[in-house]
Structure formats: C-alpha cells, structure tokens
Amino acid sequence: MNEKLRGVIIPVATPFDAGNCEAVDVAAMEHNFQLWGQTAVTGYMVLGTNGEFKAVNDDESRTVVATAAANKGDKTLIVGAGRESTHSTLEFIRSLEPWADRIDYVSVLTPNYFAKLNSAEAQVDYYTAVADASPVPVLLYVAPPYANGVIVAPAVLAQLADHPNIHGVKDTSPAMMVEYMLAAGSRDDFEVLAGSLSNIMTCLAFGGLGGVVSVANYLPDECARLTELYFNDSPAAAHAYYPLLQKVAKGGGGKQGVASLKAAMNARGYRAGAPRRPIRPVSGEVEAQIRTALDSGLAELETFQA
C-alpha cells in the first residue's frame, strides 16, 4: 500500500487575479495552501483539469509548481505534465528539475488531439518513453470527457503497470474503474485512483486507496472523512455518509464545472477568483444557489453519526 496516495487528494484550482492580465495569483494560492495544510487531505494535484492547465503556458505552469512545492508541507504533491507529444512532455518534465525533490509524482494525460491515431502501440510507446526519462514516478491520467474521448484500454494499462516508474492511474472516465481495478488494481506497486467523487466508492470497494476529488477544493475535511470512515470505521459507515457528501457536492460546486467550483471555494473562504476567459464565472443567481446548497448540505454532514 502506497501511503502517499491513500485518502483524498485535492485537484488544485489555479486562481487568477481579477485584473485584465489575469495573471496567476500566487498570494491567493498561498492562502489556499495554508488553509488546506490544516486539513486531513493526503495531498495536492496541480495543473490538472480543475487547475485549468490548458489555459496556462509553461512559464505560468512552473509558477504554479514552485508555489505548490514551497507550500505543500508534508503532503503529497502530484504535478500534471502531459503534453501532446513525447518531446514536449519530456521537455516540460525536465524543466521541473528545480522542484524535483518536492514532487512525488507527475500525472500524464494521454495525448488526444489526433485521437484516431492514438493506438495502443502509440500509448505504450509514449508512456514508456516518459517513464524511462522522468526523474519522478509517473501516474497515467485518463480523462476522456476532457481528452477527446481517448481512454487507455485495460490491456494497455496492465502492460504499462509493469514499468517500474509507472506507479498508478488517475481514472476520470465514466465507466473504466472496474476494468482498471481488475486489470491492475491488485498489484502492490500500482495504484488505481478515482478521478472524481462519482467513482470513488467503486475504487474503494475493489481495494483502491482513494482519489483525486474536485469537491475537496472547498470541502477538504468532509471529503477526507469519507475515506477515513471506510478504512478506520467500516465500509458501511462510508456508504451511509457518501450520499450526503454527493448531495452537497452536486448542489454546491457541481453545476458549471470549474466556474461553479471556484464559486464554491470563494463561498468557503478560499481565494479562487474566476476561471480564465473565455470561460465565464457563474451568475449572481447561481452563486447564491451554491451558497444556500453549501449551508444546508454542510448542516446535514455535521449531524452524521457513523
């Protein structure tokens, strides 16, 4: 069991300042890490989907990494590093050398622009080359809703799991969790992580350690409690708690993707700002609905008894 991946990891939202330049807001990030550092989450993943990694350039990405590395404390740090070519991915990973001793894993999204050419052989070649060269362990990142529908087939996953520098997969697909767990989830040196709240219970049921859960950006302790209940109390207690958490997640930050996620964070005292344009922030009406949903949902969670 890899304790660095056991529990809930926050897929960190990247805050931008409110001015016209929309620069990465380092002070806001530091504020958020200070609050998260006092919670029971296992760690952080920066430059993922909720980090709007497609909307920041490589220099800005390194600013995010430097800030996270300086503020992670003793928690796990995962850095999103996937690019559309092997060359670009390796070039970016090499540029992270100043913080390599603070990075626990790089998470590598499968290239997807040329989806029809992304064969099993191409995926094996890509991930093998990245893992061979990376100075830190690699996690595969499967997120078909954000990657042109591209997945990693279970047979490919099983093959890649044999690589000594590939340590797991973050699965944000709607239907691959069971197949991934059956293909490689029983291996002690390869972890299958849920990529969302919607598939975390399946992951746990098949022996997984937890997941990278977007709602943890604004409900970190509440999300961490789910895995704590599962491992330390009983799976039955976690299953009773889960629908309450799922309800507040859907109403509080699940309405409009990263826009509503950031609104929920702002409502909870984090400094998330707004998404980078052209993504628009939620309306005042939706923001009010999110605040109401959070207030009522948190009241239910606080009364839960295992």
Protein backbone atom coordinates (compact mmCIF):
# COMPACT_ATOMS: atom_id res chain seq x y z
CA MET A 1 0.00 0.00 0.00
CA ASN A 2 1.34 3.41 -1.00
CA GLU A 3 0.56 5.78 1.88
CA LYS A 4 1.38 8.80 -0.29
CA LEU A 5 -1.78 8.08 -2.31
CA ARG A 6 -4.04 6.83 0.48
CA GLY A 7 -7.06 9.06 1.09
CA VAL A 8 -8.23 12.18 -0.72
CA ILE A 9 -6.07 14.43 -2.89
CA ILE A 10 -7.17 17.92 -3.93
CA PRO A 11 -7.04 18.67 -7.69
CA VAL A 12 -5.99 22.25 -7.02
CA ALA A 13 -7.83 25.09 -8.77
CA THR A 14 -5.50 27.75 -10.17
CA PRO A 15 -6.52 31.27 -9.06
CA PHE A 16 -6.07 34.22 -11.40
CA ASP A 17 -6.08 37.85 -10.37
CA ALA A 18 -9.11 39.97 -11.15
CA GLY A 19 -7.28 42.41 -13.45
CA ASN A 20 -7.23 42.38 -17.23
CA CYS A 21 -3.94 40.46 -17.29
CA GLU A 22 -5.49 37.51 -15.39
CA ALA A 23 -2.07 36.53 -14.06
CA VAL A 24 -1.65 33.50 -11.82
CA ASP A 25 -2.41 34.81 -8.33
CA VAL A 26 0.42 33.44 -6.20
CA ALA A 27 -0.78 35.11 -3.00
CA ALA A 28 -4.20 33.51 -3.42
CA MET A 29 -2.59 30.11 -3.97
CA GLU A 30 -0.51 30.51 -0.82
CA HIS A 31 -3.65 31.44 1.14
CA ASN A 32 -5.42 28.31 -0.09
CA PHE A 33 -2.49 26.03 0.70
CA GLN A 34 -2.31 27.48 4.20
CA LEU A 35 -5.95 26.52 4.80
CA TRP A 36 -5.65 23.09 3.15
CA GLY A 37 -2.50 22.36 5.14
CA GLN A 38 -4.58 22.29 8.31
CA THR A 39 -6.94 19.63 6.96
CA ALA A 40 -6.85 15.84 6.74
CA VAL A 41 -6.35 15.59 2.96
CA THR A 42 -3.43 13.49 1.77
CA GLY A 43 -2.08 15.88 -0.81
CA TYR A 44 -2.48 18.02 -3.89
CA MET A 45 -2.52 17.67 -7.65
CA VAL A 46 -1.73 20.87 -9.54
CA LEU A 47 -2.14 21.54 -13.27
CA GLY A 48 -4.99 19.13 -13.79
CA THR A 49 -8.44 19.80 -15.20
CA ASN A 50 -9.52 21.92 -12.23
CA GLY A 51 -6.19 23.69 -12.45
CA GLU A 52 -7.18 24.85 -15.97
CA PHE A 53 -3.84 23.54 -17.23
CA LYS A 54 -4.83 24.06 -20.86
CA ALA A 55 -5.28 27.78 -20.15
CA VAL A 56 -1.80 28.42 -18.73
CA ASN A 57 1.52 28.47 -20.54
CA ASP A 58 4.62 26.58 -19.45
CA ASP A 59 6.15 29.53 -17.59
CA GLU A 60 2.91 30.01 -15.65
CA SER A 61 2.78 26.28 -15.02
CA ARG A 62 6.20 26.44 -13.42
CA THR A 63 5.00 29.32 -11.23
CA VAL A 64 2.16 27.07 -10.04
CA VAL A 65 4.58 24.21 -9.37
CA ALA A 66 7.03 26.44 -7.50
CA THR A 67 4.21 27.78 -5.30
CA ALA A 68 2.84 24.31 -4.58
CA ALA A 69 6.30 22.90 -3.84
CA ALA A 70 7.00 25.69 -1.36
CA ASN A 71 3.65 25.29 0.40
CA LYS A 72 2.88 21.57 0.32
CA GLY A 73 4.23 20.86 3.79
CA ASP A 74 4.41 17.13 4.39
CA LYS A 75 1.59 16.31 1.97
CA THR A 76 1.88 14.51 -1.37
CA LEU A 77 2.39 16.65 -4.48
CA ILE A 78 1.35 15.49 -7.96
CA VAL A 79 2.09 17.70 -10.98
CA GLY A 80 0.15 17.50 -14.24
CA ALA A 81 2.74 17.26 -17.01
CA GLY A 82 1.06 15.73 -20.07
CA ARG A 83 1.55 17.37 -23.45
CA GLU A 84 0.55 16.37 -26.97
CA SER A 85 3.93 14.92 -27.91
CA THR A 86 6.55 12.82 -26.19
CA HIS A 87 9.12 15.55 -26.90
CA SER A 88 7.05 18.33 -25.30
CA THR A 89 6.09 16.22 -22.30
CA LEU A 90 9.69 15.30 -21.56
CA GLU A 91 10.84 18.86 -22.13
CA PHE A 92 8.34 20.14 -19.56
CA ILE A 93 9.19 17.42 -17.02
CA ARG A 94 12.91 18.24 -17.36
CA SER A 95 12.11 21.90 -16.69
CA LEU A 96 10.70 20.91 -13.28
CA GLU A 97 14.16 19.87 -12.06
CA PRO A 98 14.44 22.74 -9.51
CA TRP A 99 11.48 21.25 -7.61
CA ALA A 100 12.03 17.55 -8.34
CA ASP A 101 12.84 16.77 -4.72
CA ARG A 102 9.43 18.17 -3.69
CA ILE A 103 7.37 16.47 -6.41
CA ASP A 104 6.13 12.99 -5.59
CA TYR A 105 4.56 12.16 -8.99
CA VAL A 106 3.92 13.59 -12.40
CA SER A 107 0.45 12.92 -13.81
CA VAL A 108 0.49 12.47 -17.57
CA LEU A 109 -2.67 12.90 -19.60
CA THR A 110 -2.86 10.73 -22.71
CA PRO A 111 -2.27 12.73 -25.92
CA ASN A 112 -5.63 13.14 -27.62
CA TYR A 113 -5.69 15.75 -30.38
CA PHE A 114 -5.08 13.07 -33.03
CA ALA A 115 -7.49 10.70 -31.30
CA LYS A 116 -7.80 8.22 -34.17
CA LEU A 117 -4.03 7.80 -34.30
CA ASN A 118 -3.70 7.18 -30.58
CA SER A 119 -3.38 3.42 -30.89
CA ALA A 120 -2.48 1.01 -28.12
CA GLU A 121 1.04 0.80 -29.54
CA ALA A 122 1.35 4.60 -29.59
CA GLN A 123 0.20 4.84 -25.99
CA VAL A 124 2.67 2.19 -24.84
CA ASP A 125 5.50 3.96 -26.68
CA TYR A 126 4.51 7.34 -25.24
CA TYR A 127 4.17 6.34 -21.62
CA THR A 128 7.23 4.08 -21.71
CA ALA A 129 9.41 6.87 -23.08
CA VAL A 130 8.09 9.32 -20.48
CA ALA A 131 8.56 6.87 -17.62
CA ASP A 132 12.05 5.92 -18.78
CA ALA A 133 13.16 9.55 -18.70
CA SER A 134 11.19 11.02 -15.79
CA PRO A 135 13.16 11.60 -12.59
CA VAL A 136 9.97 11.14 -10.54
CA PRO A 137 7.32 8.41 -10.70
CA VAL A 138 4.58 8.65 -13.31
CA LEU A 139 0.81 8.36 -12.93
CA LEU A 140 -1.33 7.82 -16.02
CA TYR A 141 -4.22 10.29 -16.31
CA VAL A 142 -7.34 9.00 -18.07
CA ALA A 143 -9.96 11.72 -18.54
CA PRO A 144 -11.98 11.11 -21.73
CA PRO A 145 -14.50 13.94 -21.12
CA TYR A 146 -11.58 16.39 -21.38
CA ALA A 147 -9.39 14.40 -23.78
CA ASN A 148 -11.35 13.96 -26.99
CA GLY A 149 -12.82 10.69 -25.71
CA VAL A 150 -9.44 8.95 -25.55
CA ILE A 151 -9.00 6.21 -22.96
CA VAL A 152 -6.26 3.76 -22.09
CA ALA A 153 -7.53 0.22 -22.70
CA PRO A 154 -7.31 -2.15 -19.70
CA ALA A 155 -4.86 -4.39 -21.56
CA VAL A 156 -2.60 -1.40 -22.21
CA LEU A 157 -2.90 -0.35 -18.58
CA ALA A 158 -1.87 -3.84 -17.43
CA GLN A 159 1.16 -3.73 -19.72
CA LEU A 160 2.22 -0.26 -18.55
CA ALA A 161 1.77 -1.26 -14.92
CA ASP A 162 4.83 -3.50 -15.35
CA HIS A 163 7.04 -0.43 -15.80
CA PRO A 164 8.93 0.26 -12.55
CA ASN A 165 8.49 4.03 -12.86
CA ILE A 166 4.74 3.96 -13.59
CA HIS A 167 3.04 3.85 -10.20
CA GLY A 168 -0.66 4.20 -10.97
CA VAL A 169 -3.52 5.79 -12.84
CA LYS A 170 -6.00 8.53 -12.07
CA ASP A 171 -9.28 7.46 -13.68
CA THR A 172 -11.82 10.18 -14.50
CA SER A 173 -13.65 8.08 -17.07
CA PRO A 174 -17.34 7.35 -16.51
CA ALA A 175 -17.06 3.57 -16.83
CA MET A 176 -13.50 2.19 -16.73
CA MET A 177 -12.88 1.88 -12.99
CA VAL A 178 -13.94 -1.76 -12.59
CA GLU A 179 -11.94 -2.88 -15.63
CA TYR A 180 -8.87 -0.98 -14.44
CA MET A 181 -9.12 -2.46 -10.97
CA LEU A 182 -9.43 -5.96 -12.41
CA ALA A 183 -6.54 -5.37 -14.81
CA ALA A 184 -4.02 -3.96 -12.35
CA GLY A 185 -5.64 -2.94 -9.09
CA SER A 186 -4.37 -5.94 -7.16
CA ARG A 187 -0.71 -5.02 -7.68
CA ASP A 188 1.05 -3.66 -4.63
CA ASP A 189 3.21 -1.33 -6.72
CA PHE A 190 0.46 0.15 -8.91
CA GLU A 191 -2.50 2.15 -7.60
CA VAL A 192 -5.79 2.89 -9.33
CA LEU A 193 -7.14 6.22 -8.06
CA ALA A 194 -10.64 7.56 -8.53
CA GLY A 195 -10.64 10.79 -10.50
CA SER A 196 -13.96 12.02 -9.16
CA LEU A 197 -16.41 11.62 -6.32
CA SER A 198 -18.70 9.65 -8.65
CA ASN A 199 -16.35 6.66 -8.88
CA ILE A 200 -14.51 6.75 -5.56
CA MET A 201 -16.75 4.18 -3.85
CA THR A 202 -16.17 1.70 -6.67
CA CYS A 203 -12.44 2.29 -6.33
CA LEU A 204 -12.54 1.66 -2.59
CA ALA A 205 -14.71 -1.43 -2.99
CA PHE A 206 -12.10 -3.01 -5.27
CA GLY A 207 -9.23 -2.29 -2.90
CA GLY A 208 -8.23 1.17 -4.10
CA LEU A 209 -6.78 3.81 -1.79
CA GLY A 210 -8.99 6.82 -2.59
CA GLY A 211 -8.98 9.50 -5.20
CA VAL A 212 -8.42 12.98 -6.56
CA VAL A 213 -11.74 14.69 -5.86
CA SER A 214 -12.67 18.18 -7.09
CA VAL A 215 -15.08 18.91 -4.22
CA ALA A 216 -12.11 18.62 -1.85
CA ASN A 217 -11.08 22.09 -3.03
CA TYR A 218 -13.81 23.55 -0.84
CA LEU A 219 -14.78 20.62 1.45
CA PRO A 220 -11.39 19.05 2.21
CA ASP A 221 -12.06 17.61 5.65
CA GLU A 222 -15.53 16.45 4.64
CA CYS A 223 -14.05 14.52 1.69
CA ALA A 224 -11.19 13.15 3.78
CA ARG A 225 -13.74 11.85 6.26
CA LEU A 226 -15.19 9.56 3.59
CA THR A 227 -12.01 7.54 3.21
CA GLU A 228 -11.30 7.73 6.95
CA LEU A 229 -14.71 6.17 7.61
CA TYR A 230 -14.08 3.48 5.00
CA PHE A 231 -10.65 2.47 6.30
CA ASN A 232 -10.97 3.17 10.02
CA ASP A 233 -14.65 2.58 10.84
CA SER A 234 -16.41 0.44 8.24
CA PRO A 235 -17.35 0.43 4.56
CA ALA A 236 -21.00 0.55 5.68
CA ALA A 237 -20.41 3.84 7.52
CA ALA A 238 -18.73 5.31 4.45
CA HIS A 239 -21.62 4.18 2.24
CA ALA A 240 -24.08 5.90 4.58
CA TYR A 241 -22.04 9.11 4.57
CA TYR A 242 -21.40 9.14 0.82
CA PRO A 243 -24.84 10.25 -0.46
CA LEU A 244 -24.79 13.22 1.91
CA LEU A 245 -21.40 14.28 0.57
CA GLN A 246 -22.51 13.65 -3.00
CA LYS A 247 -25.61 15.80 -2.49
CA VAL A 248 -23.68 18.82 -1.22
CA ALA A 249 -21.08 18.35 -3.97
CA LYS A 250 -23.71 18.41 -6.73
CA GLY A 251 -25.53 21.41 -5.32
CA GLY A 252 -22.53 23.31 -4.05
CA GLY A 253 -19.97 23.14 -6.82
CA GLY A 254 -21.09 20.72 -9.49
CA LYS A 255 -23.36 22.95 -11.52
CA GLN A 256 -21.00 24.53 -14.06
CA GLY A 257 -17.65 22.79 -13.87
CA VAL A 258 -14.65 24.87 -12.84
CA ALA A 259 -16.77 28.05 -12.75
CA SER A 260 -19.07 26.72 -10.03
CA LEU A 261 -16.14 25.00 -8.31
CA LYS A 262 -14.43 28.36 -7.92
CA ALA A 263 -17.65 30.00 -6.73
CA ALA A 264 -17.98 27.31 -4.05
CA MET A 265 -14.37 27.86 -2.99
CA ASN A 266 -14.93 31.60 -2.70
CA ALA A 267 -18.03 30.96 -0.59
CA ARG A 268 -15.98 28.80 1.78
CA GLY A 269 -13.22 31.34 2.41
CA TYR A 270 -10.74 30.20 -0.23
CA ARG A 271 -9.39 32.60 -2.82
CA ALA A 272 -10.22 31.04 -6.18
CA GLY A 273 -11.36 34.04 -8.19
CA ALA A 274 -12.93 33.30 -11.56
CA PRO A 275 -11.98 30.97 -14.43
CA ARG A 276 -9.71 32.30 -17.12
CA ARG A 277 -11.54 33.68 -20.11
CA PRO A 278 -13.28 32.71 -22.30
CA ILE A 279 -14.84 30.58 -19.51
CA ARG A 280 -17.30 32.81 -17.72
CA PRO A 281 -17.90 32.94 -13.98
CA VAL A 282 -21.28 31.84 -12.64
CA SER A 283 -24.05 34.38 -12.42
CA GLY A 284 -25.01 36.07 -9.17
CA GLU A 285 -28.13 33.92 -9.06
CA VAL A 286 -26.17 30.67 -9.36
CA GLU A 287 -23.64 31.89 -6.82
CA ALA A 288 -26.46 32.47 -4.33
CA GLN A 289 -27.80 28.97 -5.03
CA ILE A 290 -24.37 27.50 -4.39
CA ARG A 291 -24.08 29.29 -1.04
CA THR A 292 -27.52 28.04 0.00
CA ALA A 293 -26.73 24.47 -1.06
CA LEU A 294 -23.45 24.53 0.84
CA ASP A 295 -25.06 25.83 4.01
CA SER A 296 -27.82 23.21 4.02
CA GLY A 297 -25.56 20.37 2.89
CA LEU A 298 -22.92 21.08 5.50
CA ALA A 299 -25.55 21.09 8.22
CA GLU A 300 -26.51 17.53 7.19
CA LEU A 301 -22.90 16.37 7.08
CA GLU A 302 -22.23 17.77 10.55
CA THR A 303 -25.07 15.74 12.05
CA PHE A 304 -23.91 12.45 10.52
CA GLN A 305 -23.13 9.76 13.05
CA ALA A 306 -21.14 6.71 11.97
